N, C-alpha and C. Protein backbone atom coordinates (compact mmCIF):
# COMPACT_ATOMS: atom_id res chain seq x y z
N UNK A 1 -34.26 10.81 6.16
CA UNK A 1 -33.01 10.77 5.46
C UNK A 1 -31.86 10.81 6.46
N UNK A 2 -30.91 9.91 6.30
CA UNK A 2 -29.81 9.78 7.23
C UNK A 2 -28.54 10.38 6.64
N UNK A 3 -27.76 11.01 7.50
CA UNK A 3 -26.46 11.55 7.09
C UNK A 3 -25.34 10.66 7.62
N UNK A 4 -25.42 9.38 7.36
CA UNK A 4 -24.42 8.44 7.81
C UNK A 4 -23.12 8.66 7.04
N UNK A 5 -22.04 8.74 7.78
CA UNK A 5 -20.73 8.90 7.18
C UNK A 5 -20.04 7.55 7.20
N UNK A 6 -19.62 7.08 6.03
CA UNK A 6 -18.93 5.81 5.95
C UNK A 6 -17.47 6.00 6.30
N UNK A 7 -16.94 5.10 7.12
CA UNK A 7 -15.52 5.11 7.45
C UNK A 7 -15.12 3.69 7.80
N UNK A 8 -13.86 3.50 8.14
CA UNK A 8 -13.37 2.20 8.56
C UNK A 8 -13.96 1.84 9.91
N UNK A 9 -14.13 0.55 10.18
CA UNK A 9 -14.60 0.11 11.48
C UNK A 9 -13.42 0.00 12.45
N UNK A 10 -13.76 -0.06 13.70
CA UNK A 10 -12.75 -0.18 14.76
C UNK A 10 -12.30 -1.63 14.89
N UNK A 11 -11.11 -1.89 15.31
CA UNK A 11 -10.06 -0.97 15.75
C UNK A 11 -9.21 -0.43 14.60
N UNK A 12 -9.58 -0.79 13.37
CA UNK A 12 -8.78 -0.41 12.21
C UNK A 12 -8.70 1.10 12.01
N UNK A 13 -9.81 1.80 12.26
CA UNK A 13 -9.81 3.25 12.09
C UNK A 13 -8.79 3.90 13.03
N UNK A 14 -8.73 3.46 14.27
CA UNK A 14 -7.76 4.03 15.21
C UNK A 14 -6.32 3.78 14.74
N UNK A 15 -6.06 2.59 14.20
CA UNK A 15 -4.72 2.27 13.70
C UNK A 15 -4.33 3.18 12.54
N UNK A 16 -5.26 3.37 11.61
CA UNK A 16 -5.00 4.23 10.45
C UNK A 16 -4.82 5.67 10.90
N UNK A 17 -5.70 6.13 11.77
CA UNK A 17 -5.63 7.50 12.28
C UNK A 17 -4.28 7.77 12.94
N UNK A 18 -3.83 6.84 13.76
CA UNK A 18 -2.54 7.01 14.44
C UNK A 18 -1.39 7.05 13.43
N UNK A 19 -1.43 6.18 12.42
CA UNK A 19 -0.36 6.18 11.41
C UNK A 19 -0.34 7.48 10.64
N UNK A 20 -1.49 8.04 10.38
CA UNK A 20 -1.55 9.28 9.61
C UNK A 20 -0.97 10.47 10.37
N UNK A 21 -0.84 10.37 11.70
CA UNK A 21 -0.20 11.43 12.46
C UNK A 21 1.22 11.68 12.00
N UNK A 22 1.91 10.62 11.55
CA UNK A 22 3.29 10.72 11.13
C UNK A 22 3.47 10.61 9.62
N UNK A 23 2.39 10.44 8.89
CA UNK A 23 2.47 10.13 7.47
C UNK A 23 2.98 11.28 6.63
N UNK A 24 3.75 10.91 5.62
CA UNK A 24 4.21 11.85 4.61
C UNK A 24 3.28 11.78 3.40
N UNK A 25 2.91 10.54 3.02
CA UNK A 25 2.10 10.36 1.82
C UNK A 25 1.40 9.00 1.87
N UNK A 26 0.46 8.81 0.93
CA UNK A 26 -0.26 7.55 0.79
C UNK A 26 -0.26 7.16 -0.68
N UNK A 27 -0.47 5.86 -0.93
CA UNK A 27 -0.50 5.38 -2.30
C UNK A 27 -1.30 4.09 -2.39
N UNK A 28 -1.69 3.75 -3.62
CA UNK A 28 -2.52 2.59 -3.91
C UNK A 28 -2.03 1.98 -5.21
N UNK A 29 -1.88 0.66 -5.24
CA UNK A 29 -1.38 0.01 -6.46
C UNK A 29 -2.47 -0.22 -7.51
N UNK A 30 -3.69 0.16 -7.21
CA UNK A 30 -4.79 0.00 -8.16
C UNK A 30 -5.48 -1.34 -8.06
N UNK A 31 -4.98 -2.22 -7.22
CA UNK A 31 -5.60 -3.54 -7.05
C UNK A 31 -5.93 -3.81 -5.59
N UNK A 32 -4.91 -4.01 -4.75
CA UNK A 32 -5.21 -4.36 -3.36
C UNK A 32 -4.20 -3.85 -2.33
N UNK A 33 -3.09 -3.31 -2.74
CA UNK A 33 -2.07 -2.84 -1.80
C UNK A 33 -2.21 -1.33 -1.59
N UNK A 34 -2.45 -0.97 -0.34
CA UNK A 34 -2.57 0.44 0.04
C UNK A 34 -1.49 0.71 1.09
N UNK A 35 -0.71 1.75 0.86
CA UNK A 35 0.41 2.04 1.75
C UNK A 35 0.35 3.47 2.28
N UNK A 36 0.84 3.61 3.51
CA UNK A 36 1.03 4.90 4.15
C UNK A 36 2.53 5.03 4.39
N UNK A 37 3.16 5.98 3.73
CA UNK A 37 4.60 6.23 3.91
C UNK A 37 4.78 7.12 5.13
N UNK A 38 5.52 6.61 6.11
CA UNK A 38 5.68 7.32 7.37
C UNK A 38 6.87 8.27 7.40
N UNK A 39 7.69 8.23 6.37
CA UNK A 39 8.86 9.11 6.35
C UNK A 39 9.30 9.33 4.90
N UNK A 40 10.22 10.27 4.72
CA UNK A 40 10.67 10.62 3.37
C UNK A 40 11.36 9.45 2.68
N UNK A 41 12.10 8.63 3.43
CA UNK A 41 12.79 7.49 2.83
C UNK A 41 11.79 6.50 2.24
N UNK A 42 10.70 6.23 2.97
CA UNK A 42 9.66 5.33 2.46
C UNK A 42 8.96 5.95 1.26
N UNK A 43 8.64 7.22 1.36
CA UNK A 43 8.03 7.94 0.24
C UNK A 43 8.90 7.82 -1.02
N UNK A 44 10.17 8.11 -0.87
CA UNK A 44 11.08 8.05 -2.02
C UNK A 44 11.20 6.63 -2.56
N UNK A 45 11.17 5.64 -1.67
CA UNK A 45 11.22 4.25 -2.11
C UNK A 45 10.04 3.89 -2.99
N UNK A 46 8.84 4.31 -2.58
CA UNK A 46 7.65 4.05 -3.39
C UNK A 46 7.73 4.76 -4.74
N UNK A 47 8.22 5.99 -4.73
CA UNK A 47 8.39 6.72 -5.99
C UNK A 47 9.34 5.94 -6.90
N UNK A 48 10.41 5.41 -6.33
CA UNK A 48 11.36 4.62 -7.09
C UNK A 48 10.76 3.37 -7.71
N UNK A 49 9.74 2.82 -7.05
CA UNK A 49 9.04 1.65 -7.59
C UNK A 49 7.92 2.03 -8.56
N UNK A 50 7.75 3.33 -8.79
CA UNK A 50 6.76 3.77 -9.77
C UNK A 50 5.39 4.12 -9.22
N UNK A 51 5.24 4.16 -7.90
CA UNK A 51 3.97 4.52 -7.30
C UNK A 51 3.72 6.02 -7.41
N UNK A 52 2.47 6.40 -7.61
CA UNK A 52 2.06 7.80 -7.53
C UNK A 52 1.72 8.09 -6.07
N UNK A 53 2.40 9.05 -5.51
CA UNK A 53 2.23 9.36 -4.09
C UNK A 53 1.32 10.58 -3.91
N UNK A 54 0.44 10.48 -2.92
CA UNK A 54 -0.46 11.58 -2.57
C UNK A 54 0.00 12.12 -1.21
N UNK A 55 0.39 13.39 -1.14
CA UNK A 55 0.82 13.94 0.15
C UNK A 55 -0.32 13.95 1.16
N UNK A 56 0.02 13.69 2.41
CA UNK A 56 -0.97 13.76 3.48
C UNK A 56 -0.89 15.16 4.07
N UNK A 57 -1.90 15.96 3.74
CA UNK A 57 -1.96 17.32 4.25
C UNK A 57 -3.10 17.48 5.26
N UNK A 58 -4.11 16.62 5.14
CA UNK A 58 -5.26 16.66 6.03
C UNK A 58 -5.67 15.22 6.33
N UNK A 59 -5.69 14.85 7.62
CA UNK A 59 -6.00 13.46 7.97
C UNK A 59 -7.37 13.02 7.51
N UNK A 60 -8.36 13.87 7.64
CA UNK A 60 -9.72 13.49 7.24
C UNK A 60 -9.77 13.20 5.75
N UNK A 61 -9.14 14.05 4.95
CA UNK A 61 -9.10 13.81 3.50
C UNK A 61 -8.35 12.52 3.18
N UNK A 62 -7.26 12.26 3.91
CA UNK A 62 -6.49 11.05 3.68
C UNK A 62 -7.31 9.81 4.02
N UNK A 63 -8.02 9.83 5.14
CA UNK A 63 -8.87 8.70 5.52
C UNK A 63 -9.96 8.48 4.46
N UNK A 64 -10.55 9.55 3.99
CA UNK A 64 -11.58 9.42 2.94
C UNK A 64 -11.02 8.78 1.68
N UNK A 65 -9.82 9.19 1.27
CA UNK A 65 -9.22 8.62 0.07
C UNK A 65 -8.82 7.16 0.30
N UNK A 66 -8.27 6.86 1.46
CA UNK A 66 -7.94 5.47 1.78
C UNK A 66 -9.19 4.59 1.73
N UNK A 67 -10.31 5.09 2.24
CA UNK A 67 -11.55 4.33 2.21
C UNK A 67 -12.05 4.14 0.78
N UNK A 68 -11.92 5.17 -0.05
CA UNK A 68 -12.31 5.02 -1.46
C UNK A 68 -11.49 3.92 -2.12
N UNK A 69 -10.18 3.94 -1.90
CA UNK A 69 -9.32 2.90 -2.46
C UNK A 69 -9.70 1.53 -1.91
N UNK A 70 -9.96 1.47 -0.60
CA UNK A 70 -10.33 0.22 0.05
C UNK A 70 -11.58 -0.37 -0.61
N UNK A 71 -12.55 0.47 -0.85
CA UNK A 71 -13.83 0.01 -1.39
C UNK A 71 -13.75 -0.48 -2.83
N UNK A 72 -12.72 -0.08 -3.58
CA UNK A 72 -12.58 -0.56 -4.96
C UNK A 72 -11.49 -1.62 -5.09
N UNK A 73 -10.88 -2.00 -3.98
CA UNK A 73 -9.83 -3.01 -3.99
C UNK A 73 -10.41 -4.41 -4.15
N UNK A 74 -9.58 -5.32 -4.65
CA UNK A 74 -9.98 -6.73 -4.74
C UNK A 74 -9.97 -7.35 -3.34
N UNK A 75 -10.36 -8.60 -3.25
CA UNK A 75 -10.48 -9.29 -1.96
C UNK A 75 -9.16 -9.49 -1.23
N UNK A 76 -8.04 -9.27 -1.88
CA UNK A 76 -6.72 -9.42 -1.25
C UNK A 76 -6.27 -8.14 -0.56
N UNK A 77 -7.14 -7.19 -0.43
CA UNK A 77 -6.81 -5.84 0.06
C UNK A 77 -6.13 -5.83 1.43
N UNK A 78 -5.25 -4.84 1.58
CA UNK A 78 -4.53 -4.63 2.83
C UNK A 78 -4.10 -3.17 2.91
N UNK A 79 -3.84 -2.72 4.14
CA UNK A 79 -3.25 -1.39 4.35
C UNK A 79 -2.07 -1.57 5.29
N UNK A 80 -0.90 -1.07 4.85
CA UNK A 80 0.30 -1.11 5.67
C UNK A 80 0.91 0.28 5.75
N UNK A 81 1.45 0.58 6.92
CA UNK A 81 2.25 1.79 7.09
C UNK A 81 3.71 1.36 6.96
N UNK A 82 4.51 2.16 6.27
CA UNK A 82 5.89 1.78 6.00
C UNK A 82 6.83 2.84 6.56
N UNK A 83 7.82 2.36 7.34
CA UNK A 83 8.84 3.24 7.91
C UNK A 83 10.21 2.80 7.42
N UNK A 84 11.08 3.75 7.20
CA UNK A 84 12.47 3.50 6.82
C UNK A 84 12.58 2.67 5.53
N UNK A 85 11.55 2.67 4.73
CA UNK A 85 11.48 1.99 3.44
C UNK A 85 11.57 0.46 3.54
N UNK A 86 11.58 -0.09 4.76
CA UNK A 86 11.68 -1.54 4.86
C UNK A 86 10.96 -2.14 6.06
N UNK A 87 10.29 -1.32 6.85
CA UNK A 87 9.56 -1.82 8.01
C UNK A 87 8.07 -1.60 7.77
N UNK A 88 7.35 -2.71 7.61
CA UNK A 88 5.93 -2.67 7.29
C UNK A 88 5.10 -2.95 8.54
N UNK A 89 4.20 -2.03 8.85
CA UNK A 89 3.28 -2.19 9.98
C UNK A 89 1.91 -2.48 9.39
N UNK A 90 1.40 -3.67 9.65
CA UNK A 90 0.11 -4.07 9.07
C UNK A 90 -1.03 -3.42 9.85
N UNK A 91 -1.64 -2.45 9.24
CA UNK A 91 -2.78 -1.77 9.87
C UNK A 91 -4.06 -2.54 9.63
N UNK A 92 -4.21 -3.06 8.43
CA UNK A 92 -5.30 -3.98 8.11
C UNK A 92 -4.68 -5.12 7.29
N UNK A 93 -4.36 -6.22 7.95
CA UNK A 93 -3.80 -7.36 7.22
C UNK A 93 -4.81 -7.95 6.25
N UNK A 94 -4.32 -8.66 5.25
CA UNK A 94 -5.21 -9.31 4.29
C UNK A 94 -6.22 -10.19 5.02
N UNK A 95 -7.46 -10.10 4.59
CA UNK A 95 -8.59 -10.92 5.04
C UNK A 95 -9.09 -10.58 6.45
N UNK A 96 -8.32 -9.85 7.26
CA UNK A 96 -8.71 -9.63 8.65
C UNK A 96 -9.93 -8.72 8.78
N UNK A 97 -10.02 -7.71 7.95
CA UNK A 97 -11.15 -6.77 8.02
C UNK A 97 -12.46 -7.49 7.73
N UNK A 98 -12.49 -8.24 6.66
CA UNK A 98 -13.71 -8.94 6.27
C UNK A 98 -14.01 -10.11 7.21
N UNK A 99 -12.98 -10.78 7.71
CA UNK A 99 -13.19 -11.86 8.67
C UNK A 99 -13.77 -11.34 9.97
N UNK A 100 -13.37 -10.14 10.38
CA UNK A 100 -13.94 -9.55 11.60
C UNK A 100 -15.43 -9.33 11.42
N UNK A 101 -15.85 -8.87 10.24
CA UNK A 101 -17.26 -8.66 9.96
C UNK A 101 -18.02 -9.98 10.00
N UNK A 102 -17.45 -11.03 9.41
CA UNK A 102 -18.12 -12.33 9.42
C UNK A 102 -18.25 -12.86 10.82
N UNK A 103 -17.20 -12.69 11.65
CA UNK A 103 -17.28 -13.15 13.04
C UNK A 103 -18.31 -12.39 13.84
N UNK A 104 -18.46 -11.10 13.58
CA UNK A 104 -19.48 -10.30 14.25
C UNK A 104 -20.87 -10.77 13.82
N UNK A 105 -21.05 -11.04 12.54
CA UNK A 105 -22.36 -11.50 12.04
C UNK A 105 -22.74 -12.84 12.65
N UNK A 106 -21.78 -13.73 12.86
CA UNK A 106 -22.06 -15.05 13.41
C UNK A 106 -22.55 -14.98 14.84
N UNK A 107 -22.15 -13.95 15.60
CA UNK A 107 -22.56 -13.83 17.01
C UNK A 107 -23.97 -13.28 17.14
N UNK A 108 -24.52 -12.74 16.09
CA UNK A 108 -25.86 -12.13 16.16
C UNK A 108 -26.93 -13.17 16.09
């Protein structure tokens, strides 16, 4: 029996981990958009758009929740970190995560 822990693959995990160092909260639109609010202005902006925000109190818990959302997202899924309510940092751009897996499989 294996105790394998599922998480994001590299280099995406490092990008998410680094963003969570400064994160205030995270949110998911229920379909494919996952956001990390890097400051109070971004957090408040998402609240204004009707998003339910989850405070980031523990990075490991936040990564686990982001992965849960990722796994139930549609094929258009993405993760962006947002600063100043208008600067989007693409941590996992659309299609890039799955394309990286396909490219890795082709080399085998």
